[in-house]
């Protein structure tokens, strides 16, 4: 039978989920990773930038009709959606708390929760 988490653990896990979601979707530290993923799977419809700088052998830009419009990719759309990422992060946090030994999972979850509290406090003080 599955044990129901305490209210304290639920609060800590929720704060950790919020912090990890922000880290994945918005924080600058993961921007290079997101950029590479978005190159392979754009989050929205884009025009391929390389066509603007590619010239033929005479130095002419290609006609506008040759510009490639890239359709949004599933992974890019998923990664740019805070609500979508939060669901998957919460699954990961719950799995970590349920499966890993407490001395491994709890420090990670508690530190992420502290970071979320600090972030909220900093934003509120501005």
PDB file of N, CA and C in Angstrom:
ATOM      1  N   UNK A   1       0.837  -1.185   0.000  1.00  0.00           N
ATOM      2  CA  UNK A   1       0.000   0.000   0.000  1.00  0.00           C
ATOM      3  C   UNK A   1       0.884   1.252   0.000  1.00  0.00           C
ATOM      4  N   UNK A   2       0.491   2.254  -0.784  1.00  0.00           N
ATOM      5  CA  UNK A   2       1.269   3.482  -0.895  1.00  0.00           C
ATOM      6  C   UNK A   2       1.007   4.379   0.302  1.00  0.00           C
ATOM      7  N   UNK A   3       2.082   4.906   0.849  1.00  0.00           N
ATOM      8  CA  UNK A   3       1.963   5.800   1.988  1.00  0.00           C
ATOM      9  C   UNK A   3       1.646   7.210   1.493  1.00  0.00           C
ATOM     10  N   UNK A   4       0.697   7.868   2.124  1.00  0.00           N
ATOM     11  CA  UNK A   4       0.337   9.234   1.756  1.00  0.00           C
ATOM     12  C   UNK A   4       1.346  10.179   2.406  1.00  0.00           C
ATOM     13  N   UNK A   5       1.956  11.080   1.605  1.00  0.00           N
ATOM     14  CA  UNK A   5       2.962  11.975   2.180  1.00  0.00           C
ATOM     15  C   UNK A   5       2.339  12.967   3.155  1.00  0.00           C
ATOM     16  N   UNK A   6       3.126  13.374   4.119  1.00  0.00           N
ATOM     17  CA  UNK A   6       2.651  14.355   5.092  1.00  0.00           C
ATOM     18  C   UNK A   6       2.505  15.717   4.408  1.00  0.00           C
ATOM     19  N   UNK A   7       1.793  16.607   5.065  1.00  0.00           N
ATOM     20  CA  UNK A   7       1.593  17.946   4.518  1.00  0.00           C
ATOM     21  C   UNK A   7       2.925  18.687   4.373  1.00  0.00           C
ATOM     22  N   UNK A   8       3.823  18.481   5.309  1.00  0.00           N
ATOM     23  CA  UNK A   8       5.142  19.114   5.238  1.00  0.00           C
ATOM     24  C   UNK A   8       5.916  18.611   4.027  1.00  0.00           C
ATOM     25  N   UNK A   9       5.916  17.310   3.823  1.00  0.00           N
ATOM     26  CA  UNK A   9       6.619  16.741   2.680  1.00  0.00           C
ATOM     27  C   UNK A   9       5.980  17.203   1.372  1.00  0.00           C
ATOM     28  N   UNK A  10       4.673  17.308   1.361  1.00  0.00           N
ATOM     29  CA  UNK A  10       3.965  17.775   0.179  1.00  0.00           C
ATOM     30  C   UNK A  10       4.345  19.224  -0.149  1.00  0.00           C
ATOM     31  N   UNK A  11       4.433  20.061   0.876  1.00  0.00           N
ATOM     32  CA  UNK A  11       4.830  21.451   0.687  1.00  0.00           C
ATOM     33  C   UNK A  11       6.264  21.552   0.180  1.00  0.00           C
ATOM     34  N   UNK A  12       7.161  20.792   0.780  1.00  0.00           N
ATOM     35  CA  UNK A  12       8.564  20.801   0.362  1.00  0.00           C
ATOM     36  C   UNK A  12       8.695  20.298  -1.080  1.00  0.00           C
ATOM     37  N   UNK A  13       7.980  19.236  -1.407  1.00  0.00           N
ATOM     38  CA  UNK A  13       8.034  18.695  -2.767  1.00  0.00           C
ATOM     39  C   UNK A  13       7.458  19.695  -3.766  1.00  0.00           C
ATOM     40  N   UNK A  14       6.405  20.405  -3.386  1.00  0.00           N
ATOM     41  CA  UNK A  14       5.822  21.416  -4.271  1.00  0.00           C
ATOM     42  C   UNK A  14       6.769  22.568  -4.522  1.00  0.00           C
ATOM     43  N   UNK A  15       7.435  23.027  -3.486  1.00  0.00           N
ATOM     44  CA  UNK A  15       8.413  24.100  -3.648  1.00  0.00           C
ATOM     45  C   UNK A  15       9.598  23.639  -4.509  1.00  0.00           C
ATOM     46  N   UNK A  16      10.043  22.418  -4.277  1.00  0.00           N
ATOM     47  CA  UNK A  16      11.141  21.875  -5.083  1.00  0.00           C
ATOM     48  C   UNK A  16      10.734  21.751  -6.546  1.00  0.00           C
ATOM     49  N   UNK A  17       9.513  21.318  -6.794  1.00  0.00           N
ATOM     50  CA  UNK A  17       9.013  21.199  -8.162  1.00  0.00           C
ATOM     51  C   UNK A  17       8.986  22.573  -8.835  1.00  0.00           C
ATOM     52  N   UNK A  18       8.534  23.589  -8.121  1.00  0.00           N
ATOM     53  CA  UNK A  18       8.493  24.940  -8.686  1.00  0.00           C
ATOM     54  C   UNK A  18       9.890  25.428  -9.043  1.00  0.00           C
ATOM     55  N   UNK A  19      10.856  25.185  -8.156  1.00  0.00           N
ATOM     56  CA  UNK A  19      12.219  25.657  -8.406  1.00  0.00           C
ATOM     57  C   UNK A  19      12.850  24.923  -9.580  1.00  0.00           C
ATOM     58  N   UNK A  20      12.703  23.601  -9.619  1.00  0.00           N
ATOM     59  CA  UNK A  20      13.301  22.820 -10.704  1.00  0.00           C
ATOM     60  C   UNK A  20      12.634  23.140 -12.044  1.00  0.00           C
ATOM     61  N   UNK A  21      11.343  23.408 -12.032  1.00  0.00           N
ATOM     62  CA  UNK A  21      10.649  23.791 -13.263  1.00  0.00           C
ATOM     63  C   UNK A  21      11.181  25.115 -13.784  1.00  0.00           C
ATOM     64  N   UNK A  22      11.337  26.092 -12.908  1.00  0.00           N
ATOM     65  CA  UNK A  22      11.894  27.385 -13.312  1.00  0.00           C
ATOM     66  C   UNK A  22      13.311  27.216 -13.839  1.00  0.00           C
ATOM     67  N   UNK A  23      14.087  26.360 -13.204  1.00  0.00           N
ATOM     68  CA  UNK A  23      15.457  26.094 -13.653  1.00  0.00           C
ATOM     69  C   UNK A  23      15.458  25.563 -15.086  1.00  0.00           C
ATOM     70  N   UNK A  24      14.581  24.648 -15.379  1.00  0.00           N
ATOM     71  CA  UNK A  24      14.543  24.023 -16.703  1.00  0.00           C
ATOM     72  C   UNK A  24      14.000  24.976 -17.763  1.00  0.00           C
ATOM     73  N   UNK A  25      12.933  25.703 -17.452  1.00  0.00           N
ATOM     74  CA  UNK A  25      12.236  26.486 -18.477  1.00  0.00           C
ATOM     75  C   UNK A  25      12.809  27.890 -18.648  1.00  0.00           C
ATOM     76  N   UNK A  26      13.282  28.520 -17.578  1.00  0.00           N
ATOM     77  CA  UNK A  26      13.595  29.946 -17.658  1.00  0.00           C
ATOM     78  C   UNK A  26      15.013  30.351 -17.277  1.00  0.00           C
ATOM     79  N   UNK A  27      15.670  29.648 -16.385  1.00  0.00           N
ATOM     80  CA  UNK A  27      16.936  30.147 -15.849  1.00  0.00           C
ATOM     81  C   UNK A  27      18.047  30.178 -16.895  1.00  0.00           C
ATOM     82  N   UNK A  28      18.900  31.173 -16.740  1.00  0.00           N
ATOM     83  CA  UNK A  28      19.971  31.418 -17.694  1.00  0.00           C
ATOM     84  C   UNK A  28      21.004  30.295 -17.724  1.00  0.00           C
ATOM     85  N   UNK A  29      21.181  29.605 -16.623  1.00  0.00           N
ATOM     86  CA  UNK A  29      22.213  28.575 -16.558  1.00  0.00           C
ATOM     87  C   UNK A  29      21.955  27.429 -17.539  1.00  0.00           C
ATOM     88  N   UNK A  30      20.701  27.156 -17.851  1.00  0.00           N
ATOM     89  CA  UNK A  30      20.371  26.099 -18.806  1.00  0.00           C
ATOM     90  C   UNK A  30      20.026  26.630 -20.198  1.00  0.00           C
ATOM     91  N   UNK A  31      20.263  27.915 -20.438  1.00  0.00           N
ATOM     92  CA  UNK A  31      19.963  28.513 -21.738  1.00  0.00           C
ATOM     93  C   UNK A  31      20.710  27.823 -22.891  1.00  0.00           C
ATOM     94  N   UNK A  32      21.999  27.490 -22.751  1.00  0.00           N
ATOM     95  CA  UNK A  32      22.679  26.803 -23.858  1.00  0.00           C
ATOM     96  C   UNK A  32      22.041  25.454 -24.207  1.00  0.00           C
ATOM     97  N   UNK A  33      21.590  24.733 -23.214  1.00  0.00           N
ATOM     98  CA  UNK A  33      20.936  23.438 -23.461  1.00  0.00           C
ATOM     99  C   UNK A  33      19.606  23.652 -24.166  1.00  0.00           C
ATOM    100  N   UNK A  34      18.808  24.617 -23.665  1.00  0.00           N
ATOM    101  CA  UNK A  34      17.521  24.904 -24.303  1.00  0.00           C
ATOM    102  C   UNK A  34      17.712  25.355 -25.745  1.00  0.00           C
ATOM    103  N   UNK A  35      18.720  26.204 -25.997  1.00  0.00           N
ATOM    104  CA  UNK A  35      18.970  26.699 -27.348  1.00  0.00           C
ATOM    105  C   UNK A  35      19.253  25.552 -28.306  1.00  0.00           C
ATOM    106  N   UNK A  36      20.073  24.595 -27.878  1.00  0.00           N
ATOM    107  CA  UNK A  36      20.385  23.445 -28.736  1.00  0.00           C
ATOM    108  C   UNK A  36      19.144  22.600 -28.997  1.00  0.00           C
ATOM    109  N   UNK A  37      18.337  22.403 -27.968  1.00  0.00           N
ATOM    110  CA  UNK A  37      17.102  21.628 -28.144  1.00  0.00           C
ATOM    111  C   UNK A  37      16.149  22.369 -29.065  1.00  0.00           C
ATOM    112  N   UNK A  38      16.040  23.692 -28.898  1.00  0.00           N
ATOM    113  CA  UNK A  38      15.132  24.477 -29.734  1.00  0.00           C
ATOM    114  C   UNK A  38      15.600  24.534 -31.190  1.00  0.00           C
ATOM    115  N   UNK A  39      16.905  24.387 -31.427  1.00  0.00           N
ATOM    116  CA  UNK A  39      17.383  24.321 -32.810  1.00  0.00           C
ATOM    117  C   UNK A  39      16.878  23.056 -33.489  1.00  0.00           C
ATOM    118  N   UNK A  40      16.825  21.964 -32.749  1.00  0.00           N
ATOM    119  CA  UNK A  40      16.348  20.701 -33.303  1.00  0.00           C
ATOM    120  C   UNK A  40      14.823  20.634 -33.327  1.00  0.00           C
ATOM    121  N   UNK A  41      14.193  21.223 -32.322  1.00  0.00           N
ATOM    122  CA  UNK A  41      12.738  21.164 -32.195  1.00  0.00           C
ATOM    123  C   UNK A  41      12.239  22.533 -31.735  1.00  0.00           C
ATOM    124  N   UNK A  42      11.980  23.457 -32.685  1.00  0.00           N
ATOM    125  CA  UNK A  42      11.600  24.811 -32.282  1.00  0.00           C
ATOM    126  C   UNK A  42      10.284  24.828 -31.504  1.00  0.00           C
ATOM    127  N   UNK A  43      10.162  25.725 -30.515  1.00  0.00           N
ATOM    128  CA  UNK A  43       8.936  25.789 -29.718  1.00  0.00           C
ATOM    129  C   UNK A  43       7.772  26.434 -30.463  1.00  0.00           C
ATOM    130  N   UNK A  44       8.064  27.176 -31.502  1.00  0.00           N
ATOM    131  CA  UNK A  44       7.015  27.814 -32.296  1.00  0.00           C
ATOM    132  C   UNK A  44       7.477  27.888 -33.736  1.00  0.00           C
ATOM    133  N   UNK A  45       6.598  28.293 -34.617  1.00  0.00           N
ATOM    134  CA  UNK A  45       6.936  28.366 -36.030  1.00  0.00           C
ATOM    135  C   UNK A  45       8.046  29.392 -36.239  1.00  0.00           C
ATOM    136  N   UNK A  46       9.090  29.011 -36.972  1.00  0.00           N
ATOM    137  CA  UNK A  46      10.212  29.911 -37.200  1.00  0.00           C
ATOM    138  C   UNK A  46      10.601  29.903 -38.673  1.00  0.00           C
ATOM    139  N   UNK A  47      11.315  30.933 -39.067  1.00  0.00           N
ATOM    140  CA  UNK A  47      11.907  30.969 -40.395  1.00  0.00           C
ATOM    141  C   UNK A  47      13.373  30.650 -40.210  1.00  0.00           C
ATOM    142  N   UNK A  48      13.871  29.714 -40.997  1.00  0.00           N
ATOM    143  CA  UNK A  48      15.251  29.267 -40.866  1.00  0.00           C
ATOM    144  C   UNK A  48      16.189  30.432 -41.161  1.00  0.00           C
ATOM    145  N   UNK A  49      16.936  30.891 -40.154  1.00  0.00           N
ATOM    146  CA  UNK A  49      17.786  32.065 -40.272  1.00  0.00           C
ATOM    147  C   UNK A  49      18.923  31.906 -41.275  1.00  0.00           C
ATOM    148  N   UNK A  50      19.416  30.708 -41.485  1.00  0.00           N
ATOM    149  CA  UNK A  50      20.569  30.543 -42.362  1.00  0.00           C
ATOM    150  C   UNK A  50      20.238  30.959 -43.793  1.00  0.00           C
ATOM    151  N   UNK A  51      18.981  30.943 -44.159  1.00  0.00           N
ATOM    152  CA  UNK A  51      18.602  31.334 -45.518  1.00  0.00           C
ATOM    153  C   UNK A  51      18.755  32.827 -45.733  1.00  0.00           C
ATOM    154  N   UNK A  52      18.720  33.612 -44.667  1.00  0.00           N
ATOM    155  CA  UNK A  52      18.888  35.048 -44.824  1.00  0.00           C
ATOM    156  C   UNK A  52      20.332  35.403 -45.172  1.00  0.00           C
ATOM    157  N   UNK A  53      21.282  34.580 -44.795  1.00  0.00           N
ATOM    158  CA  UNK A  53      22.687  34.904 -45.038  1.00  0.00           C
ATOM    159  C   UNK A  53      23.302  34.061 -46.153  1.00  0.00           C
ATOM    160  N   UNK A  54      22.621  33.031 -46.600  1.00  0.00           N
ATOM    161  CA  UNK A  54      23.164  32.184 -47.656  1.00  0.00           C
ATOM    162  C   UNK A  54      23.005  32.882 -49.006  1.00  0.00           C
ATOM    163  N   UNK A  55      24.097  33.011 -49.725  1.00  0.00           N
ATOM    164  CA  UNK A  55      24.077  33.655 -51.036  1.00  0.00           C
ATOM    165  C   UNK A  55      24.491  32.644 -52.099  1.00  0.00           C
ATOM    166  N   UNK A  56      24.053  32.890 -53.326  1.00  0.00           N
ATOM    167  CA  UNK A  56      24.472  32.003 -54.409  1.00  0.00           C
ATOM    168  C   UNK A  56      25.878  32.386 -54.872  1.00  0.00           C
ATOM    169  N   UNK A  57      26.381  31.738 -55.909  1.00  0.00           N
ATOM    170  CA  UNK A  57      27.761  31.981 -56.355  1.00  0.00           C
ATOM    171  C   UNK A  57      27.966  33.387 -56.902  1.00  0.00           C
ATOM    172  N   UNK A  58      26.889  34.124 -57.207  1.00  0.00           N
ATOM    173  CA  UNK A  58      26.999  35.500 -57.705  1.00  0.00           C
ATOM    174  C   UNK A  58      26.839  36.518 -56.578  1.00  0.00           C
ATOM    175  N   UNK A  59      26.652  36.044 -55.358  1.00  0.00           N
ATOM    176  CA  UNK A  59      26.513  36.936 -54.207  1.00  0.00           C
ATOM    177  C   UNK A  59      25.097  37.417 -53.954  1.00  0.00           C
ATOM    178  N   UNK A  60      24.122  36.819 -54.642  1.00  0.00           N
ATOM    179  CA  UNK A  60      22.731  37.235 -54.480  1.00  0.00           C
ATOM    180  C   UNK A  60      22.040  36.402 -53.402  1.00  0.00           C
ATOM    181  N   UNK A  61      21.153  37.057 -52.669  1.00  0.00           N
ATOM    182  CA  UNK A  61      20.327  36.332 -51.706  1.00  0.00           C
ATOM    183  C   UNK A  61      19.279  35.527 -52.466  1.00  0.00           C
ATOM    184  N   UNK A  62      18.838  34.390 -51.913  1.00  0.00           N
ATOM    185  CA  UNK A  62      17.814  33.599 -52.599  1.00  0.00           C
ATOM    186  C   UNK A  62      16.476  34.334 -52.583  1.00  0.00           C
ATOM    187  N   UNK A  63      15.592  34.018 -53.528  1.00  0.00           N
ATOM    188  CA  UNK A  63      14.258  34.634 -53.506  1.00  0.00           C
ATOM    189  C   UNK A  63      13.518  34.271 -52.223  1.00  0.00           C
ATOM    190  N   UNK A  64      12.586  35.121 -51.840  1.00  0.00           N
ATOM    191  CA  UNK A  64      11.843  34.926 -50.594  1.00  0.00           C
ATOM    192  C   UNK A  64      11.116  33.591 -50.564  1.00  0.00           C
ATOM    193  N   UNK A  65      10.739  33.062 -51.738  1.00  0.00           N
ATOM    194  CA  UNK A  65      10.005  31.810 -51.777  1.00  0.00           C
ATOM    195  C   UNK A  65      10.828  30.626 -51.277  1.00  0.00           C
ATOM    196  N   UNK A  66      12.155  30.772 -51.248  1.00  0.00           N
ATOM    197  CA  UNK A  66      12.996  29.649 -50.845  1.00  0.00           C
ATOM    198  C   UNK A  66      13.240  29.608 -49.338  1.00  0.00           C
ATOM    199  N   UNK A  67      12.750  30.612 -48.611  1.00  0.00           N
ATOM    200  CA  UNK A  67      12.922  30.595 -47.159  1.00  0.00           C
ATOM    201  C   UNK A  67      12.141  29.429 -46.578  1.00  0.00           C
ATOM    202  N   UNK A  68      12.729  28.748 -45.630  1.00  0.00           N
ATOM    203  CA  UNK A  68      12.100  27.578 -45.036  1.00  0.00           C
ATOM    204  C   UNK A  68      11.398  27.978 -43.746  1.00  0.00           C
ATOM    205  N   UNK A  69      10.137  27.669 -43.649  1.00  0.00           N
ATOM    206  CA  UNK A  69       9.383  27.880 -42.411  1.00  0.00           C
ATOM    207  C   UNK A  69       9.383  26.555 -41.667  1.00  0.00           C
ATOM    208  N   UNK A  70       9.934  26.568 -40.466  1.00  0.00           N
ATOM    209  CA  UNK A  70      10.009  25.349 -39.668  1.00  0.00           C
ATOM    210  C   UNK A  70       8.817  25.289 -38.733  1.00  0.00           C
ATOM    211  N   UNK A  71       8.141  24.171 -38.740  1.00  0.00           N
ATOM    212  CA  UNK A  71       6.993  23.945 -37.872  1.00  0.00           C
ATOM    213  C   UNK A  71       7.477  23.661 -36.452  1.00  0.00           C
ATOM    214  N   UNK A  72       6.634  23.986 -35.468  1.00  0.00           N
ATOM    215  CA  UNK A  72       7.026  23.700 -34.088  1.00  0.00           C
ATOM    216  C   UNK A  72       7.203  22.203 -33.862  1.00  0.00           C
ATOM    217  N   UNK A  73       8.165  21.858 -33.020  1.00  0.00           N
ATOM    218  CA  UNK A  73       8.396  20.464 -32.658  1.00  0.00           C
ATOM    219  C   UNK A  73       7.791  20.155 -31.305  1.00  0.00           C
ATOM    220  N   UNK A  74       7.472  18.909 -31.091  1.00  0.00           N
ATOM    221  CA  UNK A  74       6.832  18.497 -29.844  1.00  0.00           C
ATOM    222  C   UNK A  74       7.710  18.786 -28.629  1.00  0.00           C
ATOM    223  N   UNK A  75       8.980  18.405 -28.705  1.00  0.00           N
ATOM    224  CA  UNK A  75       9.880  18.589 -27.552  1.00  0.00           C
ATOM    225  C   UNK A  75      10.080  20.072 -27.270  1.00  0.00           C
ATOM    226  N   UNK A  76      10.236  20.871 -28.313  1.00  0.00           N
ATOM    227  CA  UNK A  76      10.405  22.311 -28.128  1.00  0.00           C
ATOM    228  C   UNK A  76       9.194  22.956 -27.483  1.00  0.00           C
ATOM    229  N   UNK A  77       7.999  22.580 -27.954  1.00  0.00           N
ATOM    230  CA  UNK A  77       6.779  23.119 -27.347  1.00  0.00           C
ATOM    231  C   UNK A  77       6.647  22.671 -25.904  1.00  0.00           C
ATOM    232  N   UNK A  78       6.968  21.410 -25.632  1.00  0.00           N
ATOM    233  CA  UNK A  78       6.883  20.880 -24.272  1.00  0.00           C
ATOM    234  C   UNK A  78       7.842  21.607 -23.346  1.00  0.00           C
ATOM    235  N   UNK A  79       9.077  21.809 -23.802  1.00  0.00           N
ATOM    236  CA  UNK A  79      10.105  22.429 -22.969  1.00  0.00           C
ATOM    237  C   UNK A  79       9.852  23.913 -22.727  1.00  0.00           C
ATOM    238  N   UNK A  80       9.096  24.561 -23.580  1.00  0.00           N
ATOM    239  CA  UNK A  80       8.816  25.984 -23.394  1.00  0.00           C
ATOM    240  C   UNK A  80       7.549  26.223 -22.570  1.00  0.00           C
ATOM    241  N   UNK A  81       6.850  25.180 -22.194  1.00  0.00           N
ATOM    242  CA  UNK A  81       5.596  25.285 -21.440  1.00  0.00           C
ATOM    243  C   UNK A  81       5.858  25.005 -19.954  1.00  0.00           C
ATOM    244  N   UNK A  82       5.697  26.020 -19.133  1.00  0.00           N
ATOM    245  CA  UNK A  82       5.960  25.877 -17.697  1.00  0.00           C
ATOM    246  C   UNK A  82       5.051  24.815 -17.078  1.00  0.00           C
ATOM    247  N   UNK A  83       3.794  24.820 -17.467  1.00  0.00           N
ATOM    248  CA  UNK A  83       2.834  23.877 -16.888  1.00  0.00           C
ATOM    249  C   UNK A  83       3.170  22.438 -17.284  1.00  0.00           C
ATOM    250  N   UNK A  84       3.589  22.249 -18.527  1.00  0.00           N
ATOM    251  CA  UNK A  84       3.934  20.902 -18.998  1.00  0.00           C
ATOM    252  C   UNK A  84       5.174  20.366 -18.265  1.00  0.00           C
ATOM    253  N   UNK A  85       6.194  21.202 -18.178  1.00  0.00           N
ATOM    254  CA  UNK A  85       7.427  20.780 -17.509  1.00  0.00           C
ATOM    255  C   UNK A  85       7.161  20.508 -16.034  1.00  0.00           C
ATOM    256  N   UNK A  86       6.296  21.309 -15.403  1.00  0.00           N
ATOM    257  CA  UNK A  86       5.994  21.128 -13.982  1.00  0.00           C
ATOM    258  C   UNK A  86       5.390  19.755 -13.706  1.00  0.00           C
ATOM    259  N   UNK A  87       4.555  19.273 -14.621  1.00  0.00           N
ATOM    260  CA  UNK A  87       3.962  17.943 -14.431  1.00  0.00           C
ATOM    261  C   UNK A  87       5.056  16.888 -14.413  1.00  0.00           C
ATOM    262  N   UNK A  88       5.968  16.951 -15.382  1.00  0.00           N
ATOM    263  CA  UNK A  88       7.023  15.932 -15.460  1.00  0.00           C
ATOM    264  C   UNK A  88       8.034  16.070 -14.320  1.00  0.00           C
ATOM    265  N   UNK A  89       8.323  17.290 -13.915  1.00  0.00           N
ATOM    266  CA  UNK A  89       9.234  17.478 -12.779  1.00  0.00           C
ATOM    267  C   UNK A  89       8.589  16.937 -11.507  1.00  0.00           C
ATOM    268  N   UNK A  90       7.293  17.178 -11.324  1.00  0.00           N
ATOM    269  CA  UNK A  90       6.626  16.659 -10.122  1.00  0.00           C
ATOM    270  C   UNK A  90       6.626  15.133 -10.108  1.00  0.00           C
ATOM    271  N   UNK A  91       6.494  14.507 -11.279  1.00  0.00           N
ATOM    272  CA  UNK A  91       6.608  13.043 -11.352  1.00  0.00           C
ATOM    273  C   UNK A  91       7.999  12.613 -10.899  1.00  0.00           C
ATOM    274  N   UNK A  92       9.018  13.328 -11.367  1.00  0.00           N
ATOM    275  CA  UNK A  92      10.389  13.000 -10.972  1.00  0.00           C
ATOM    276  C   UNK A  92      10.644  13.201  -9.487  1.00  0.00           C
ATOM    277  N   UNK A  93      10.125  14.296  -8.932  1.00  0.00           N
ATOM    278  CA  UNK A  93      10.289  14.554  -7.494  1.00  0.00           C
ATOM    279  C   UNK A  93       9.580  13.482  -6.678  1.00  0.00           C
ATOM    280  N   UNK A  94       8.365  13.150  -7.075  1.00  0.00           N
ATOM    281  CA  UNK A  94       7.624  12.108  -6.362  1.00  0.00           C
ATOM    282  C   UNK A  94       8.352  10.764  -6.460  1.00  0.00           C
ATOM    283  N   UNK A  95       8.847  10.448  -7.643  1.00  0.00           N
ATOM    284  CA  UNK A  95       9.584   9.189  -7.813  1.00  0.00           C
ATOM    285  C   UNK A  95      10.847   9.174  -6.953  1.00  0.00           C
ATOM    286  N   UNK A  96      11.544  10.304  -6.916  1.00  0.00           N
ATOM    287  CA  UNK A  96      12.766  10.377  -6.106  1.00  0.00           C
ATOM    288  C   UNK A  96      12.449  10.162  -4.634  1.00  0.00           C
ATOM    289  N   UNK A  97      11.389  10.793  -4.148  1.00  0.00           N
ATOM    290  CA  UNK A  97      11.021  10.646  -2.746  1.00  0.00           C
ATOM    291  C   UNK A  97      10.554   9.227  -2.451  1.00  0.00           C
ATOM    292  N   UNK A  98       9.848   8.624  -3.401  1.00  0.00           N
ATOM    293  CA  UNK A  98       9.283   7.288  -3.176  1.00  0.00           C
ATOM    294  C   UNK A  98      10.292   6.165  -3.333  1.00  0.00           C
ATOM    295  N   UNK A  99      11.224   6.316  -4.273  1.00  0.00           N
ATOM    296  CA  UNK A  99      12.106   5.209  -4.636  1.00  0.00           C
ATOM    297  C   UNK A  99      13.478   5.306  -3.978  1.00  0.00           C
ATOM    298  N   UNK A 100      14.050   6.490  -3.988  1.00  0.00           N
ATOM    299  CA  UNK A 100      15.409   6.644  -3.454  1.00  0.00           C
ATOM    300  C   UNK A 100      15.393   6.622  -1.933  1.00  0.00           C
ATOM    301  N   UNK A 101      16.507   6.238  -1.342  1.00  0.00           N
ATOM    302  CA  UNK A 101      16.587   6.300   0.128  1.00  0.00           C
ATOM    303  C   UNK A 101      16.456   7.758   0.601  1.00  0.00           C
ATOM    304  N   UNK A 102      15.861   7.962   1.758  1.00  0.00           N
ATOM    305  CA  UNK A 102      15.648   9.331   2.240  1.00  0.00           C
ATOM    306  C   UNK A 102      16.930  10.156   2.346  1.00  0.00           C
ATOM    307  N   UNK A 103      18.055   9.531   2.678  1.00  0.00           N
ATOM    308  CA  UNK A 103      19.297  10.294   2.804  1.00  0.00           C
ATOM    309  C   UNK A 103      19.816  10.768   1.452  1.00  0.00           C
ATOM    310  N   UNK A 104      19.277  10.261   0.349  1.00  0.00           N
ATOM    311  CA  UNK A 104      19.659  10.727  -0.986  1.00  0.00           C
ATOM    312  C   UNK A 104      18.637  11.735  -1.502  1.00  0.00           C
ATOM    313  N   UNK A 105      17.359  11.393  -1.436  1.00  0.00           N
ATOM    314  CA  UNK A 105      16.310  12.215  -2.048  1.00  0.00           C
ATOM    315  C   UNK A 105      16.018  13.490  -1.267  1.00  0.00           C
ATOM    316  N   UNK A 106      15.903  13.385   0.038  1.00  0.00           N
ATOM    317  CA  UNK A 106      15.476  14.541   0.821  1.00  0.00           C
ATOM    318  C   UNK A 106      16.436  15.729   0.756  1.00  0.00           C
ATOM    319  N   UNK A 107      17.749  15.539   0.841  1.00  0.00           N
ATOM    320  CA  UNK A 107      18.617  16.723   0.723  1.00  0.00           C
ATOM    321  C   UNK A 107      18.435  17.466  -0.608  1.00  0.00           C
ATOM    322  N   UNK A 108      18.282  16.736  -1.694  1.00  0.00           N
ATOM    323  CA  UNK A 108      18.101  17.376  -3.001  1.00  0.00           C
ATOM    324  C   UNK A 108      16.780  18.144  -3.033  1.00  0.00           C
ATOM    325  N   UNK A 109      15.719  17.515  -2.572  1.00  0.00           N
ATOM    326  CA  UNK A 109      14.397  18.134  -2.592  1.00  0.00           C
ATOM    327  C   UNK A 109      14.341  19.332  -1.638  1.00  0.00           C
ATOM    328  N   UNK A 110      14.922  19.197  -0.468  1.00  0.00           N
ATOM    329  CA  UNK A 110      14.895  20.284   0.511  1.00  0.00           C
ATOM    330  C   UNK A 110      15.720  21.473   0.024  1.00  0.00           C
ATOM    331  N   UNK A 111      16.880  21.233  -0.574  1.00  0.00           N
ATOM    332  CA  UNK A 111      17.698  22.336  -1.096  1.00  0.00           C
ATOM    333  C   UNK A 111      16.956  23.062  -2.215  1.00  0.00           C
ATOM    334  N   UNK A 112      16.293  22.315  -3.107  1.00  0.00           N
ATOM    335  CA  UNK A 112      15.504  22.954  -4.168  1.00  0.00           C
ATOM    336  C   UNK A 112      14.354  23.770  -3.570  1.00  0.00           C
ATOM    337  N   UNK A 113      13.738  23.259  -2.503  1.00  0.00           N
ATOM    338  CA  UNK A 113      12.653  23.995  -1.845  1.00  0.00           C
ATOM    339  C   UNK A 113      13.182  25.275  -1.197  1.00  0.00           C
ATOM    340  N   UNK A 114      14.331  25.200  -0.532  1.00  0.00           N
ATOM    341  CA  UNK A 114      14.947  26.400   0.050  1.00  0.00           C
ATOM    342  C   UNK A 114      15.247  27.428  -1.036  1.00  0.00           C
ATOM    343  N   UNK A 115      15.752  26.960  -2.172  1.00  0.00           N
ATOM    344  CA  UNK A 115      16.073  27.867  -3.278  1.00  0.00           C
ATOM    345  C   UNK A 115      14.810  28.560  -3.799  1.00  0.00           C
ATOM    346  N   UNK A 116      13.698  27.827  -3.834  1.00  0.00           N
ATOM    347  CA  UNK A 116      12.440  28.432  -4.279  1.00  0.00           C
ATOM    348  C   UNK A 116      11.957  29.483  -3.290  1.00  0.00           C
ATOM    349  N   UNK A 117      12.084  29.210  -2.009  1.00  0.00           N
ATOM    350  CA  UNK A 117      11.703  30.187  -0.988  1.00  0.00           C
ATOM    351  C   UNK A 117      12.580  31.433  -1.111  1.00  0.00           C
ATOM    352  N   UNK A 118      13.880  31.228  -1.316  1.00  0.00           N
ATOM    353  CA  UNK A 118      14.796  32.363  -1.482  1.00  0.00           C
ATOM    354  C   UNK A 118      14.434  33.172  -2.726  1.00  0.00           C
ATOM    355  N   UNK A 119      14.129  32.487  -3.826  1.00  0.00           N
ATOM    356  CA  UNK A 119      13.756  33.193  -5.053  1.00  0.00           C
ATOM    357  C   UNK A 119      12.489  34.015  -4.856  1.00  0.00           C
ATOM    358  N   UNK A 120      11.493  33.431  -4.205  1.00  0.00           N
ATOM    359  CA  UNK A 120      10.240  34.149  -3.954  1.00  0.00           C
ATOM    360  C   UNK A 120      10.478  35.348  -3.044  1.00  0.00           C
ATOM    361  N   UNK A 121      11.332  35.183  -2.060  1.00  0.00           N
ATOM    362  CA  UNK A 121      11.647  36.273  -1.135  1.00  0.00           C
ATOM    363  C   UNK A 121      12.360  37.416  -1.860  1.00  0.00           C
ATOM    364  N   UNK A 122      13.302  37.080  -2.728  1.00  0.00           N
ATOM    365  CA  UNK A 122      14.034  38.092  -3.482  1.00  0.00           C
ATOM    366  C   UNK A 122      13.082  38.839  -4.426  1.00  0.00           C
ATOM    367  N   UNK A 123      12.215  38.108  -5.118  1.00  0.00           N
ATOM    368  CA  UNK A 123      11.262  38.761  -6.024  1.00  0.00           C
ATOM    369  C   UNK A 123      10.300  39.653  -5.265  1.00  0.00           C
ATOM    370  N   UNK A 124       9.893  39.236  -4.076  1.00  0.00           N
ATOM    371  CA  UNK A 124       8.948  40.032  -3.273  1.00  0.00           C
ATOM    372  C   UNK A 124       9.596  41.297  -2.740  1.00  0.00           C
ATOM    373  N   UNK A 125      10.902  41.286  -2.518  1.00  0.00           N
ATOM    374  CA  UNK A 125      11.584  42.445  -1.944  1.00  0.00           C
ATOM    375  C   UNK A 125      11.910  43.511  -2.986  1.00  0.00           C
ATOM    376  N   UNK A 126      11.714  43.217  -4.249  1.00  0.00           N
ATOM    377  CA  UNK A 126      12.031  44.204  -5.303  1.00  0.00           C
ATOM    378  C   UNK A 126      10.925  45.168  -5.500  1.00  0.00           C
TER     379      UNK A 126
END
